[in-house]
């Protein structure tokens, strides 16, 4: 297996993990209000919806482009250590997922 194939498989696994984190955190934030979000996972796209709020993530290799319903958008990079890297620095994937879930479920 080439280094490129190995890296791509790793990014796919991290992608699935990110979707799982988003499912868990949106469920946790919805418990008190009996609210629920939908999380759709595709090979290169994750979409999370709650009411009028949504988050759309699109992956190409390690790059992740995100967009929100209010027009906010940005680009992140998955690292091999399971972090999301932006111009502001690196953040653990679970912390990013929790922040997105909290914003969506408000």
PDB file of N, CA and C in Angstrom:
ATOM      1  N   UNK A   1       0.842  -1.161   0.000  1.00  0.00           N
ATOM      2  CA  UNK A   1       0.000   0.000   0.000  1.00  0.00           C
ATOM      3  C   UNK A   1       0.898   1.238   0.000  1.00  0.00           C
ATOM      4  N   UNK A   2       0.580   2.206  -0.861  1.00  0.00           N
ATOM      5  CA  UNK A   2       1.391   3.413  -0.953  1.00  0.00           C
ATOM      6  C   UNK A   2       1.078   4.357   0.210  1.00  0.00           C
ATOM      7  N   UNK A   3       1.967   5.307   0.423  1.00  0.00           N
ATOM      8  CA  UNK A   3       1.773   6.303   1.474  1.00  0.00           C
ATOM      9  C   UNK A   3       0.488   7.095   1.216  1.00  0.00           C
ATOM     10  N   UNK A   4       0.218   7.410  -0.054  1.00  0.00           N
ATOM     11  CA  UNK A   4      -0.992   8.156  -0.414  1.00  0.00           C
ATOM     12  C   UNK A   4      -2.241   7.355  -0.061  1.00  0.00           C
ATOM     13  N   UNK A   5      -2.253   6.053  -0.383  1.00  0.00           N
ATOM     14  CA  UNK A   5      -3.398   5.201  -0.041  1.00  0.00           C
ATOM     15  C   UNK A   5      -3.589   5.119   1.465  1.00  0.00           C
ATOM     16  N   UNK A   6      -2.480   4.986   2.186  1.00  0.00           N
ATOM     17  CA  UNK A   6      -2.545   4.907   3.645  1.00  0.00           C
ATOM     18  C   UNK A   6      -3.112   6.206   4.224  1.00  0.00           C
ATOM     19  N   UNK A   7      -2.643   7.343   3.739  1.00  0.00           N
ATOM     20  CA  UNK A   7      -3.124   8.635   4.214  1.00  0.00           C
ATOM     21  C   UNK A   7      -4.612   8.805   3.915  1.00  0.00           C
ATOM     22  N   UNK A   8      -5.037   8.429   2.718  1.00  0.00           N
ATOM     23  CA  UNK A   8      -6.451   8.576   2.351  1.00  0.00           C
ATOM     24  C   UNK A   8      -7.328   7.716   3.250  1.00  0.00           C
ATOM     25  N   UNK A   9      -6.904   6.507   3.526  1.00  0.00           N
ATOM     26  CA  UNK A   9      -7.681   5.628   4.421  1.00  0.00           C
ATOM     27  C   UNK A   9      -7.775   6.233   5.815  1.00  0.00           C
ATOM     28  N   UNK A  10      -6.680   6.835   6.277  1.00  0.00           N
ATOM     29  CA  UNK A  10      -6.686   7.477   7.582  1.00  0.00           C
ATOM     30  C   UNK A  10      -7.683   8.634   7.599  1.00  0.00           C
ATOM     31  N   UNK A  11      -7.686   9.462   6.552  1.00  0.00           N
ATOM     32  CA  UNK A  11      -8.604  10.600   6.499  1.00  0.00           C
ATOM     33  C   UNK A  11     -10.057  10.143   6.417  1.00  0.00           C
ATOM     34  N   UNK A  12     -10.322   9.042   5.747  1.00  0.00           N
ATOM     35  CA  UNK A  12     -11.681   8.491   5.706  1.00  0.00           C
ATOM     36  C   UNK A  12     -12.101   8.066   7.110  1.00  0.00           C
ATOM     37  N   UNK A  13     -11.224   7.409   7.845  1.00  0.00           N
ATOM     38  CA  UNK A  13     -11.542   6.982   9.213  1.00  0.00           C
ATOM     39  C   UNK A  13     -11.769   8.186  10.127  1.00  0.00           C
ATOM     40  N   UNK A  14     -10.949   9.211   9.984  1.00  0.00           N
ATOM     41  CA  UNK A  14     -11.134  10.423  10.777  1.00  0.00           C
ATOM     42  C   UNK A  14     -12.452  11.103  10.426  1.00  0.00           C
ATOM     43  N   UNK A  15     -12.817  11.067   9.148  1.00  0.00           N
ATOM     44  CA  UNK A  15     -14.071  11.652   8.664  1.00  0.00           C
ATOM     45  C   UNK A  15     -15.274  10.970   9.307  1.00  0.00           C
ATOM     46  N   UNK A  16     -15.249   9.659   9.334  1.00  0.00           N
ATOM     47  CA  UNK A  16     -16.332   8.891   9.956  1.00  0.00           C
ATOM     48  C   UNK A  16     -16.381   9.194  11.456  1.00  0.00           C
ATOM     49  N   UNK A  17     -15.221   9.323  12.072  1.00  0.00           N
ATOM     50  CA  UNK A  17     -15.164   9.673  13.494  1.00  0.00           C
ATOM     51  C   UNK A  17     -15.759  11.052  13.753  1.00  0.00           C
ATOM     52  N   UNK A  18     -15.481  12.007  12.873  1.00  0.00           N
ATOM     53  CA  UNK A  18     -16.036  13.344  13.021  1.00  0.00           C
ATOM     54  C   UNK A  18     -17.566  13.307  12.945  1.00  0.00           C
ATOM     55  N   UNK A  19     -18.108  12.546  12.016  1.00  0.00           N
ATOM     56  CA  UNK A  19     -19.569  12.409  11.912  1.00  0.00           C
ATOM     57  C   UNK A  19     -20.136  11.786  13.187  1.00  0.00           C
ATOM     58  N   UNK A  20     -19.460  10.794  13.718  1.00  0.00           N
ATOM     59  CA  UNK A  20     -19.909  10.145  14.950  1.00  0.00           C
ATOM     60  C   UNK A  20     -19.891  11.121  16.125  1.00  0.00           C
ATOM     61  N   UNK A  21     -18.845  11.930  16.209  1.00  0.00           N
ATOM     62  CA  UNK A  21     -18.767  12.936  17.262  1.00  0.00           C
ATOM     63  C   UNK A  21     -19.915  13.939  17.135  1.00  0.00           C
ATOM     64  N   UNK A  22     -20.199  14.367  15.916  1.00  0.00           N
ATOM     65  CA  UNK A  22     -21.299  15.312  15.704  1.00  0.00           C
ATOM     66  C   UNK A  22     -22.634  14.698  16.110  1.00  0.00           C
ATOM     67  N   UNK A  23     -22.845  13.420  15.803  1.00  0.00           N
ATOM     68  CA  UNK A  23     -24.079  12.732  16.223  1.00  0.00           C
ATOM     69  C   UNK A  23     -24.189  12.707  17.745  1.00  0.00           C
ATOM     70  N   UNK A  24     -23.104  12.330  18.396  1.00  0.00           N
ATOM     71  CA  UNK A  24     -23.110  12.213  19.859  1.00  0.00           C
ATOM     72  C   UNK A  24     -23.337  13.557  20.532  1.00  0.00           C
ATOM     73  N   UNK A  25     -22.618  14.569  20.098  1.00  0.00           N
ATOM     74  CA  UNK A  25     -22.734  15.879  20.744  1.00  0.00           C
ATOM     75  C   UNK A  25     -24.068  16.556  20.453  1.00  0.00           C
ATOM     76  N   UNK A  26     -24.616  16.421  19.246  1.00  0.00           N
ATOM     77  CA  UNK A  26     -25.935  17.011  18.997  1.00  0.00           C
ATOM     78  C   UNK A  26     -26.989  16.287  19.829  1.00  0.00           C
ATOM     79  N   UNK A  27     -26.861  14.980  19.972  1.00  0.00           N
ATOM     80  CA  UNK A  27     -27.809  14.227  20.808  1.00  0.00           C
ATOM     81  C   UNK A  27     -27.708  14.685  22.259  1.00  0.00           C
ATOM     82  N   UNK A  28     -26.498  14.855  22.755  1.00  0.00           N
ATOM     83  CA  UNK A  28     -26.315  15.288  24.144  1.00  0.00           C
ATOM     84  C   UNK A  28     -26.895  16.681  24.366  1.00  0.00           C
ATOM     85  N   UNK A  29     -26.684  17.589  23.437  1.00  0.00           N
ATOM     86  CA  UNK A  29     -27.197  18.951  23.585  1.00  0.00           C
ATOM     87  C   UNK A  29     -28.712  19.015  23.407  1.00  0.00           C
ATOM     88  N   UNK A  30     -29.306  18.020  22.800  1.00  0.00           N
ATOM     89  CA  UNK A  30     -30.749  18.007  22.599  1.00  0.00           C
ATOM     90  C   UNK A  30     -31.532  17.304  23.678  1.00  0.00           C
ATOM     91  N   UNK A  31     -30.854  16.661  24.619  1.00  0.00           N
ATOM     92  CA  UNK A  31     -31.540  15.868  25.645  1.00  0.00           C
ATOM     93  C   UNK A  31     -32.509  16.674  26.495  1.00  0.00           C
ATOM     94  N   UNK A  32     -32.092  17.797  27.016  1.00  0.00           N
ATOM     95  CA  UNK A  32     -32.954  18.573  27.920  1.00  0.00           C
ATOM     96  C   UNK A  32     -34.192  19.121  27.227  1.00  0.00           C
ATOM     97  N   UNK A  33     -34.068  19.500  25.975  1.00  0.00           N
ATOM     98  CA  UNK A  33     -35.205  20.067  25.267  1.00  0.00           C
ATOM     99  C   UNK A  33     -35.927  19.073  24.388  1.00  0.00           C
ATOM    100  N   UNK A  34     -35.555  17.800  24.495  1.00  0.00           N
ATOM    101  CA  UNK A  34     -36.169  16.768  23.666  1.00  0.00           C
ATOM    102  C   UNK A  34     -36.077  17.137  22.183  1.00  0.00           C
ATOM    103  N   UNK A  35     -34.909  17.661  21.796  1.00  0.00           N
ATOM    104  CA  UNK A  35     -34.665  18.074  20.412  1.00  0.00           C
ATOM    105  C   UNK A  35     -33.674  17.113  19.773  1.00  0.00           C
ATOM    106  N   UNK A  36     -33.721  17.062  18.463  1.00  0.00           N
ATOM    107  CA  UNK A  36     -32.878  16.120  17.743  1.00  0.00           C
ATOM    108  C   UNK A  36     -32.372  16.745  16.451  1.00  0.00           C
ATOM    109  N   UNK A  37     -31.136  16.462  16.109  1.00  0.00           N
ATOM    110  CA  UNK A  37     -30.552  16.913  14.852  1.00  0.00           C
ATOM    111  C   UNK A  37     -30.387  15.700  13.940  1.00  0.00           C
ATOM    112  N   UNK A  38     -30.327  15.948  12.642  1.00  0.00           N
ATOM    113  CA  UNK A  38     -30.017  14.872  11.707  1.00  0.00           C
ATOM    114  C   UNK A  38     -28.576  15.060  11.248  1.00  0.00           C
ATOM    115  N   UNK A  39     -27.868  13.954  11.147  1.00  0.00           N
ATOM    116  CA  UNK A  39     -26.488  13.956  10.673  1.00  0.00           C
ATOM    117  C   UNK A  39     -26.419  12.985   9.509  1.00  0.00           C
ATOM    118  N   UNK A  40     -26.108  13.518   8.337  1.00  0.00           N
ATOM    119  CA  UNK A  40     -25.983  12.698   7.135  1.00  0.00           C
ATOM    120  C   UNK A  40     -24.506  12.575   6.795  1.00  0.00           C
ATOM    121  N   UNK A  41     -24.049  11.343   6.617  1.00  0.00           N
ATOM    122  CA  UNK A  41     -22.650  11.077   6.313  1.00  0.00           C
ATOM    123  C   UNK A  41     -22.512  10.495   4.922  1.00  0.00           C
ATOM    124  N   UNK A  42     -21.652  11.118   4.138  1.00  0.00           N
ATOM    125  CA  UNK A  42     -21.267  10.591   2.838  1.00  0.00           C
ATOM    126  C   UNK A  42     -19.761  10.473   2.801  1.00  0.00           C
ATOM    127  N   UNK A  43     -19.245   9.858   1.762  1.00  0.00           N
ATOM    128  CA  UNK A  43     -17.800   9.651   1.664  1.00  0.00           C
ATOM    129  C   UNK A  43     -17.027  10.968   1.718  1.00  0.00           C
ATOM    130  N   UNK A  44     -17.617  12.031   1.181  1.00  0.00           N
ATOM    131  CA  UNK A  44     -16.921  13.314   1.161  1.00  0.00           C
ATOM    132  C   UNK A  44     -17.778  14.463   1.666  1.00  0.00           C
ATOM    133  N   UNK A  45     -18.914  14.161   2.322  1.00  0.00           N
ATOM    134  CA  UNK A  45     -19.773  15.225   2.824  1.00  0.00           C
ATOM    135  C   UNK A  45     -20.468  14.788   4.108  1.00  0.00           C
ATOM    136  N   UNK A  46     -20.528  15.726   5.060  1.00  0.00           N
ATOM    137  CA  UNK A  46     -21.312  15.552   6.278  1.00  0.00           C
ATOM    138  C   UNK A  46     -22.239  16.760   6.351  1.00  0.00           C
ATOM    139  N   UNK A  47     -23.524  16.505   6.549  1.00  0.00           N
ATOM    140  CA  UNK A  47     -24.490  17.587   6.726  1.00  0.00           C
ATOM    141  C   UNK A  47     -25.227  17.359   8.034  1.00  0.00           C
ATOM    142  N   UNK A  48     -25.244  18.404   8.868  1.00  0.00           N
ATOM    143  CA  UNK A  48     -25.947  18.351  10.150  1.00  0.00           C
ATOM    144  C   UNK A  48     -27.034  19.410  10.104  1.00  0.00           C
ATOM    145  N   UNK A  49     -28.274  19.015  10.471  1.00  0.00           N
ATOM    146  CA  UNK A  49     -29.402  19.945  10.441  1.00  0.00           C
ATOM    147  C   UNK A  49     -30.170  19.889  11.750  1.00  0.00           C
ATOM    148  N   UNK A  50     -30.557  21.066  12.208  1.00  0.00           N
ATOM    149  CA  UNK A  50     -31.464  21.182  13.352  1.00  0.00           C
ATOM    150  C   UNK A  50     -32.313  22.418  13.107  1.00  0.00           C
ATOM    151  N   UNK A  51     -33.596  22.224  12.833  1.00  0.00           N
ATOM    152  CA  UNK A  51     -34.474  23.343  12.516  1.00  0.00           C
ATOM    153  C   UNK A  51     -33.956  24.085  11.291  1.00  0.00           C
ATOM    154  N   UNK A  52     -33.819  25.398  11.427  1.00  0.00           N
ATOM    155  CA  UNK A  52     -33.321  26.220  10.324  1.00  0.00           C
ATOM    156  C   UNK A  52     -31.795  26.280  10.274  1.00  0.00           C
ATOM    157  N   UNK A  53     -31.144  25.709  11.261  1.00  0.00           N
ATOM    158  CA  UNK A  53     -29.683  25.752  11.326  1.00  0.00           C
ATOM    159  C   UNK A  53     -29.096  24.520  10.643  1.00  0.00           C
ATOM    160  N   UNK A  54     -27.951  24.710   9.983  1.00  0.00           N
ATOM    161  CA  UNK A  54     -27.266  23.586   9.366  1.00  0.00           C
ATOM    162  C   UNK A  54     -25.775  23.860   9.275  1.00  0.00           C
ATOM    163  N   UNK A  55     -25.038  22.778   9.161  1.00  0.00           N
ATOM    164  CA  UNK A  55     -23.599  22.787   8.964  1.00  0.00           C
ATOM    165  C   UNK A  55     -23.306  21.805   7.844  1.00  0.00           C
ATOM    166  N   UNK A  56     -22.561  22.266   6.852  1.00  0.00           N
ATOM    167  CA  UNK A  56     -22.204  21.416   5.721  1.00  0.00           C
ATOM    168  C   UNK A  56     -20.686  21.318   5.663  1.00  0.00           C
ATOM    169  N   UNK A  57     -20.175  20.100   5.723  1.00  0.00           N
ATOM    170  CA  UNK A  57     -18.735  19.843   5.651  1.00  0.00           C
ATOM    171  C   UNK A  57     -18.450  19.033   4.395  1.00  0.00           C
ATOM    172  N   UNK A  58     -17.472  19.454   3.622  1.00  0.00           N
ATOM    173  CA  UNK A  58     -17.075  18.718   2.416  1.00  0.00           C
ATOM    174  C   UNK A  58     -15.591  18.444   2.480  1.00  0.00           C
ATOM    175  N   UNK A  59     -15.231  17.168   2.262  1.00  0.00           N
ATOM    176  CA  UNK A  59     -13.841  16.736   2.381  1.00  0.00           C
ATOM    177  C   UNK A  59     -13.260  16.369   1.031  1.00  0.00           C
ATOM    178  N   UNK A  60     -12.026  16.780   0.814  1.00  0.00           N
ATOM    179  CA  UNK A  60     -11.220  16.357  -0.329  1.00  0.00           C
ATOM    180  C   UNK A  60      -9.843  16.022   0.201  1.00  0.00           C
ATOM    181  N   UNK A  61      -9.564  14.738   0.384  1.00  0.00           N
ATOM    182  CA  UNK A  61      -8.301  14.368   1.030  1.00  0.00           C
ATOM    183  C   UNK A  61      -8.336  14.830   2.471  1.00  0.00           C
ATOM    184  N   UNK A  62      -7.337  15.600   2.865  1.00  0.00           N
ATOM    185  CA  UNK A  62      -7.275  16.119   4.228  1.00  0.00           C
ATOM    186  C   UNK A  62      -8.014  17.444   4.377  1.00  0.00           C
ATOM    187  N   UNK A  63      -8.351  18.095   3.284  1.00  0.00           N
ATOM    188  CA  UNK A  63      -8.991  19.409   3.342  1.00  0.00           C
ATOM    189  C   UNK A  63     -10.488  19.283   3.613  1.00  0.00           C
ATOM    190  N   UNK A  64     -10.976  20.146   4.498  1.00  0.00           N
ATOM    191  CA  UNK A  64     -12.393  20.168   4.852  1.00  0.00           C
ATOM    192  C   UNK A  64     -12.892  21.600   4.690  1.00  0.00           C
ATOM    193  N   UNK A  65     -13.833  21.792   3.796  1.00  0.00           N
ATOM    194  CA  UNK A  65     -14.497  23.086   3.640  1.00  0.00           C
ATOM    195  C   UNK A  65     -15.814  23.019   4.398  1.00  0.00           C
ATOM    196  N   UNK A  66     -16.082  24.051   5.201  1.00  0.00           N
ATOM    197  CA  UNK A  66     -17.328  24.081   5.972  1.00  0.00           C
ATOM    198  C   UNK A  66     -18.119  25.329   5.633  1.00  0.00           C
ATOM    199  N   UNK A  67     -19.440  25.194   5.780  1.00  0.00           N
ATOM    200  CA  UNK A  67     -20.335  26.307   5.517  1.00  0.00           C
ATOM    201  C   UNK A  67     -21.516  26.210   6.468  1.00  0.00           C
ATOM    202  N   UNK A  68     -21.993  27.374   6.934  1.00  0.00           N
ATOM    203  CA  UNK A  68     -23.146  27.441   7.820  1.00  0.00           C
ATOM    204  C   UNK A  68     -24.298  28.140   7.123  1.00  0.00           C
ATOM    205  N   UNK A  69     -25.499  28.009   7.689  1.00  0.00           N
ATOM    206  CA  UNK A  69     -26.706  28.581   7.102  1.00  0.00           C
ATOM    207  C   UNK A  69     -26.651  30.099   7.039  1.00  0.00           C
ATOM    208  N   UNK A  70     -25.858  30.723   7.880  1.00  0.00           N
ATOM    209  CA  UNK A  70     -25.778  32.189   7.919  1.00  0.00           C
ATOM    210  C   UNK A  70     -24.702  32.758   6.991  1.00  0.00           C
ATOM    211  N   UNK A  71     -24.111  31.902   6.161  1.00  0.00           N
ATOM    212  CA  UNK A  71     -23.115  32.354   5.203  1.00  0.00           C
ATOM    213  C   UNK A  71     -21.678  32.227   5.679  1.00  0.00           C
ATOM    214  N   UNK A  72     -21.473  31.924   6.951  1.00  0.00           N
ATOM    215  CA  UNK A  72     -20.115  31.711   7.438  1.00  0.00           C
ATOM    216  C   UNK A  72     -19.531  30.490   6.744  1.00  0.00           C
ATOM    217  N   UNK A  73     -18.237  30.532   6.478  1.00  0.00           N
ATOM    218  CA  UNK A  73     -17.582  29.384   5.858  1.00  0.00           C
ATOM    219  C   UNK A  73     -16.089  29.446   6.163  1.00  0.00           C
ATOM    220  N   UNK A  74     -15.433  28.360   5.905  1.00  0.00           N
ATOM    221  CA  UNK A  74     -13.999  28.308   6.138  1.00  0.00           C
ATOM    222  C   UNK A  74     -13.405  27.015   5.621  1.00  0.00           C
ATOM    223  N   UNK A  75     -12.101  26.910   5.792  1.00  0.00           N
ATOM    224  CA  UNK A  75     -11.382  25.712   5.360  1.00  0.00           C
ATOM    225  C   UNK A  75     -10.529  25.229   6.519  1.00  0.00           C
ATOM    226  N   UNK A  76     -10.562  23.931   6.740  1.00  0.00           N
ATOM    227  CA  UNK A  76      -9.773  23.274   7.763  1.00  0.00           C
ATOM    228  C   UNK A  76      -8.987  22.147   7.117  1.00  0.00           C
ATOM    229  N   UNK A  77      -8.042  21.610   7.857  1.00  0.00           N
ATOM    230  CA  UNK A  77      -7.294  20.455   7.364  1.00  0.00           C
ATOM    231  C   UNK A  77      -7.257  19.413   8.469  1.00  0.00           C
ATOM    232  N   UNK A  78      -7.620  18.183   8.121  1.00  0.00           N
ATOM    233  CA  UNK A  78      -7.484  17.070   9.051  1.00  0.00           C
ATOM    234  C   UNK A  78      -6.002  16.751   9.189  1.00  0.00           C
ATOM    235  N   UNK A  79      -5.555  16.559  10.425  1.00  0.00           N
ATOM    236  CA  UNK A  79      -4.166  16.149  10.621  1.00  0.00           C
ATOM    237  C   UNK A  79      -4.137  14.657  10.935  1.00  0.00           C
ATOM    238  N   UNK A  80      -3.008  14.048  10.752  1.00  0.00           N
ATOM    239  CA  UNK A  80      -2.886  12.618  11.037  1.00  0.00           C
ATOM    240  C   UNK A  80      -3.039  12.316  12.519  1.00  0.00           C
ATOM    241  N   UNK A  81      -2.936  13.350  13.357  1.00  0.00           N
ATOM    242  CA  UNK A  81      -3.109  13.182  14.798  1.00  0.00           C
ATOM    243  C   UNK A  81      -4.572  13.331  15.216  1.00  0.00           C
ATOM    244  N   UNK A  82      -5.479  13.524  14.242  1.00  0.00           N
ATOM    245  CA  UNK A  82      -6.899  13.629  14.558  1.00  0.00           C
ATOM    246  C   UNK A  82      -7.316  15.014  15.004  1.00  0.00           C
ATOM    247  N   UNK A  83      -6.615  16.009  14.535  1.00  0.00           N
ATOM    248  CA  UNK A  83      -6.965  17.384  14.851  1.00  0.00           C
ATOM    249  C   UNK A  83      -7.447  18.086  13.596  1.00  0.00           C
ATOM    250  N   UNK A  84      -8.090  19.236  13.802  1.00  0.00           N
ATOM    251  CA  UNK A  84      -8.493  20.094  12.697  1.00  0.00           C
ATOM    252  C   UNK A  84      -7.622  21.340  12.746  1.00  0.00           C
ATOM    253  N   UNK A  85      -6.944  21.610  11.660  1.00  0.00           N
ATOM    254  CA  UNK A  85      -6.007  22.727  11.595  1.00  0.00           C
ATOM    255  C   UNK A  85      -6.619  23.855  10.776  1.00  0.00           C
ATOM    256  N   UNK A  86      -6.522  25.081  11.319  1.00  0.00           N
ATOM    257  CA  UNK A  86      -6.980  26.269  10.607  1.00  0.00           C
ATOM    258  C   UNK A  86      -5.863  27.306  10.680  1.00  0.00           C
ATOM    259  N   UNK A  87      -6.113  28.469  10.116  1.00  0.00           N
ATOM    260  CA  UNK A  87      -5.124  29.543  10.180  1.00  0.00           C
ATOM    261  C   UNK A  87      -4.880  29.958  11.632  1.00  0.00           C
ATOM    262  N   UNK A  88      -5.871  29.755  12.496  1.00  0.00           N
ATOM    263  CA  UNK A  88      -5.758  30.138  13.903  1.00  0.00           C
ATOM    264  C   UNK A  88      -4.993  29.107  14.737  1.00  0.00           C
ATOM    265  N   UNK A  89      -4.766  27.919  14.192  1.00  0.00           N
ATOM    266  CA  UNK A  89      -4.058  26.868  14.927  1.00  0.00           C
ATOM    267  C   UNK A  89      -4.761  25.530  14.794  1.00  0.00           C
ATOM    268  N   UNK A  90      -4.383  24.593  15.661  1.00  0.00           N
ATOM    269  CA  UNK A  90      -4.961  23.254  15.643  1.00  0.00           C
ATOM    270  C   UNK A  90      -5.886  23.067  16.839  1.00  0.00           C
ATOM    271  N   UNK A  91      -6.964  22.316  16.602  1.00  0.00           N
ATOM    272  CA  UNK A  91      -7.942  22.029  17.646  1.00  0.00           C
ATOM    273  C   UNK A  91      -8.283  20.546  17.571  1.00  0.00           C
ATOM    274  N   UNK A  92      -8.472  19.947  18.733  1.00  0.00           N
ATOM    275  CA  UNK A  92      -8.881  18.546  18.761  1.00  0.00           C
ATOM    276  C   UNK A  92     -10.230  18.412  18.058  1.00  0.00           C
ATOM    277  N   UNK A  93     -10.386  17.343  17.301  1.00  0.00           N
ATOM    278  CA  UNK A  93     -11.604  17.127  16.527  1.00  0.00           C
ATOM    279  C   UNK A  93     -12.844  17.091  17.415  1.00  0.00           C
ATOM    280  N   UNK A  94     -12.742  16.479  18.591  1.00  0.00           N
ATOM    281  CA  UNK A  94     -13.914  16.396  19.463  1.00  0.00           C
ATOM    282  C   UNK A  94     -14.315  17.766  20.004  1.00  0.00           C
ATOM    283  N   UNK A  95     -13.360  18.645  20.237  1.00  0.00           N
ATOM    284  CA  UNK A  95     -13.693  19.991  20.712  1.00  0.00           C
ATOM    285  C   UNK A  95     -14.390  20.796  19.623  1.00  0.00           C
ATOM    286  N   UNK A  96     -13.936  20.653  18.397  1.00  0.00           N
ATOM    287  CA  UNK A  96     -14.579  21.341  17.271  1.00  0.00           C
ATOM    288  C   UNK A  96     -16.002  20.818  17.079  1.00  0.00           C
ATOM    289  N   UNK A  97     -16.182  19.500  17.140  1.00  0.00           N
ATOM    290  CA  UNK A  97     -17.509  18.902  16.970  1.00  0.00           C
ATOM    291  C   UNK A  97     -18.457  19.350  18.076  1.00  0.00           C
ATOM    292  N   UNK A  98     -17.963  19.429  19.311  1.00  0.00           N
ATOM    293  CA  UNK A  98     -18.808  19.860  20.420  1.00  0.00           C
ATOM    294  C   UNK A  98     -19.235  21.314  20.239  1.00  0.00           C
ATOM    295  N   UNK A  99     -18.325  22.166  19.798  1.00  0.00           N
ATOM    296  CA  UNK A  99     -18.658  23.581  19.586  1.00  0.00           C
ATOM    297  C   UNK A  99     -19.695  23.733  18.476  1.00  0.00           C
ATOM    298  N   UNK A 100     -19.515  23.019  17.372  1.00  0.00           N
ATOM    299  CA  UNK A 100     -20.502  23.071  16.291  1.00  0.00           C
ATOM    300  C   UNK A 100     -21.864  22.589  16.784  1.00  0.00           C
ATOM    301  N   UNK A 101     -21.876  21.471  17.525  1.00  0.00           N
ATOM    302  CA  UNK A 101     -23.138  20.912  18.018  1.00  0.00           C
ATOM    303  C   UNK A 101     -23.828  21.908  18.964  1.00  0.00           C
ATOM    304  N   UNK A 102     -23.081  22.531  19.842  1.00  0.00           N
ATOM    305  CA  UNK A 102     -23.651  23.499  20.780  1.00  0.00           C
ATOM    306  C   UNK A 102     -24.295  24.657  20.034  1.00  0.00           C
ATOM    307  N   UNK A 103     -23.612  25.178  19.003  1.00  0.00           N
ATOM    308  CA  UNK A 103     -24.160  26.275  18.211  1.00  0.00           C
ATOM    309  C   UNK A 103     -25.427  25.855  17.464  1.00  0.00           C
ATOM    310  N   UNK A 104     -25.411  24.670  16.890  1.00  0.00           N
ATOM    311  CA  UNK A 104     -26.556  24.182  16.127  1.00  0.00           C
ATOM    312  C   UNK A 104     -27.784  23.920  16.995  1.00  0.00           C
ATOM    313  N   UNK A 105     -27.566  23.462  18.203  1.00  0.00           N
ATOM    314  CA  UNK A 105     -28.677  23.027  19.050  1.00  0.00           C
ATOM    315  C   UNK A 105     -29.234  24.140  19.931  1.00  0.00           C
ATOM    316  N   UNK A 106     -28.697  25.344  19.855  1.00  0.00           N
ATOM    317  CA  UNK A 106     -29.221  26.466  20.657  1.00  0.00           C
ATOM    318  C   UNK A 106     -30.573  26.887  20.156  1.00  0.00           C
TER     319      UNK A 106
END
